[in-house]
Amino acid sequence: MHFLPAVTAQPNLRGLPGSNVLQQLVNGAEAWSLAIALLGAFIGAGIWAVASHTHNHHYAARGRMAALISGASALIVGAAPGLINFFERLGTTAR
């Protein structure tokens, strides 16, 4: 026997005052994150190229790692909204 009503939640970006400011902050943070990832990829690729040309294997590996990490971070930043929405929809189907 259930005497209490079921608890529900429906996310609404316009539900609280200042929500538009929060959305602008999220959009700005995503843009800055992608710009920093792009800059990291450029710098890492440059270090990788110069170090490989000068036969400095240690710095070449560091540059390659910087370029790959920058690419992976851009992938995560770009995929994050879709992943959050996927898991939110998955969570709403749980009983």
Protein backbone atom coordinates (compact mmCIF):
# COMPACT_ATOMS: atom_id res chain seq x y z
CA MET A 1 0.00 0.00 0.00
CA HIS A 2 1.35 3.36 -1.01
CA PHE A 3 0.01 6.33 0.89
CA LEU A 4 2.47 8.93 -0.38
CA PRO A 5 2.40 10.28 -3.91
CA ALA A 6 5.35 9.48 -6.17
CA VAL A 7 8.18 12.00 -6.28
CA THR A 8 8.78 13.56 -9.68
CA ALA A 9 11.28 15.98 -11.16
CA GLN A 10 11.21 17.73 -14.51
CA PRO A 11 14.33 19.76 -15.36
CA ASN A 12 13.50 23.22 -16.68
CA LEU A 13 16.20 25.72 -17.58
CA ARG A 14 13.75 28.58 -17.09
CA GLY A 15 12.56 27.32 -13.68
CA LEU A 16 14.75 29.61 -11.57
CA PRO A 17 15.73 33.24 -11.88
CA GLY A 18 19.15 33.64 -13.45
CA SER A 19 18.95 30.38 -15.38
CA ASN A 20 19.78 32.21 -18.61
CA VAL A 21 22.98 33.48 -16.95
CA LEU A 22 23.87 29.92 -15.94
CA GLN A 23 23.32 28.75 -19.52
CA GLN A 24 25.55 31.55 -20.79
CA LEU A 25 28.26 30.52 -18.30
CA VAL A 26 28.06 26.91 -19.47
CA ASN A 27 28.25 27.97 -23.13
CA GLY A 28 31.18 30.28 -22.42
CA ALA A 29 33.04 27.64 -20.41
CA GLU A 30 32.58 25.14 -23.25
CA ALA A 31 33.88 27.65 -25.81
CA TRP A 32 36.92 28.48 -23.66
CA SER A 33 37.61 24.78 -23.04
CA LEU A 34 37.56 24.03 -26.76
CA ALA A 35 39.76 27.04 -27.53
CA ILE A 36 42.31 25.92 -24.91
CA ALA A 37 42.22 22.36 -26.27
CA LEU A 38 42.87 23.68 -29.78
CA LEU A 39 45.76 25.80 -28.53
CA GLY A 40 47.17 22.78 -26.68
CA ALA A 41 46.92 20.67 -29.82
CA PHE A 42 48.75 23.32 -31.86
CA ILE A 43 51.51 23.73 -29.28
CA GLY A 44 51.86 19.97 -28.74
CA ALA A 45 52.03 19.29 -32.47
CA GLY A 46 54.61 22.04 -32.89
CA ILE A 47 56.79 20.68 -30.09
CA TRP A 48 56.40 17.20 -31.50
CA ALA A 49 57.48 18.31 -34.98
CA VAL A 50 60.46 20.39 -33.85
CA ALA A 51 61.65 17.79 -31.35
CA SER A 52 61.36 15.00 -33.92
CA HIS A 53 63.32 17.05 -36.43
CA THR A 54 66.10 17.70 -33.88
CA HIS A 55 66.10 14.03 -32.76
CA ASN A 56 65.00 14.87 -29.22
CA HIS A 57 62.86 11.82 -28.48
CA HIS A 58 61.88 12.90 -24.95
CA TYR A 59 60.34 16.20 -26.06
CA ALA A 60 58.83 14.56 -29.15
CA ALA A 61 56.99 12.13 -26.88
CA ARG A 62 55.86 15.00 -24.64
CA GLY A 63 54.59 16.97 -27.63
CA ARG A 64 52.76 13.94 -29.01
CA MET A 65 51.17 13.34 -25.59
CA ALA A 66 50.10 17.00 -25.36
CA ALA A 67 48.49 16.85 -28.81
CA LEU A 68 46.66 13.60 -28.00
CA ILE A 69 45.47 14.80 -24.59
CA SER A 70 44.20 18.03 -26.17
CA GLY A 71 42.27 16.02 -28.74
CA ALA A 72 40.81 13.75 -26.08
CA SER A 73 39.79 16.72 -23.95
CA ALA A 74 38.03 18.30 -26.94
CA LEU A 75 36.21 15.00 -27.48
CA ILE A 76 35.07 14.94 -23.86
CA VAL A 77 33.97 18.60 -23.90
CA GLY A 78 32.05 18.09 -27.13
CA ALA A 79 30.42 14.84 -26.04
CA ALA A 80 29.60 15.92 -22.47
CA PRO A 81 26.14 17.42 -23.15
CA GLY A 82 25.08 14.34 -25.11
CA LEU A 83 26.39 11.99 -22.42
CA ILE A 84 24.63 13.95 -19.67
CA ASN A 85 21.36 13.90 -21.62
CA PHE A 86 21.75 10.16 -22.34
CA PHE A 87 22.24 9.30 -18.68
CA GLU A 88 19.45 11.66 -17.59
CA ARG A 89 17.03 9.90 -19.97
CA LEU A 90 18.32 6.54 -18.78
CA GLY A 91 17.79 7.61 -15.18
CA THR A 92 14.20 8.69 -15.83
CA THR A 93 13.36 5.17 -17.02
CA ALA A 94 14.56 3.60 -13.74
CA ARG A 95 11.84 2.52 -11.36
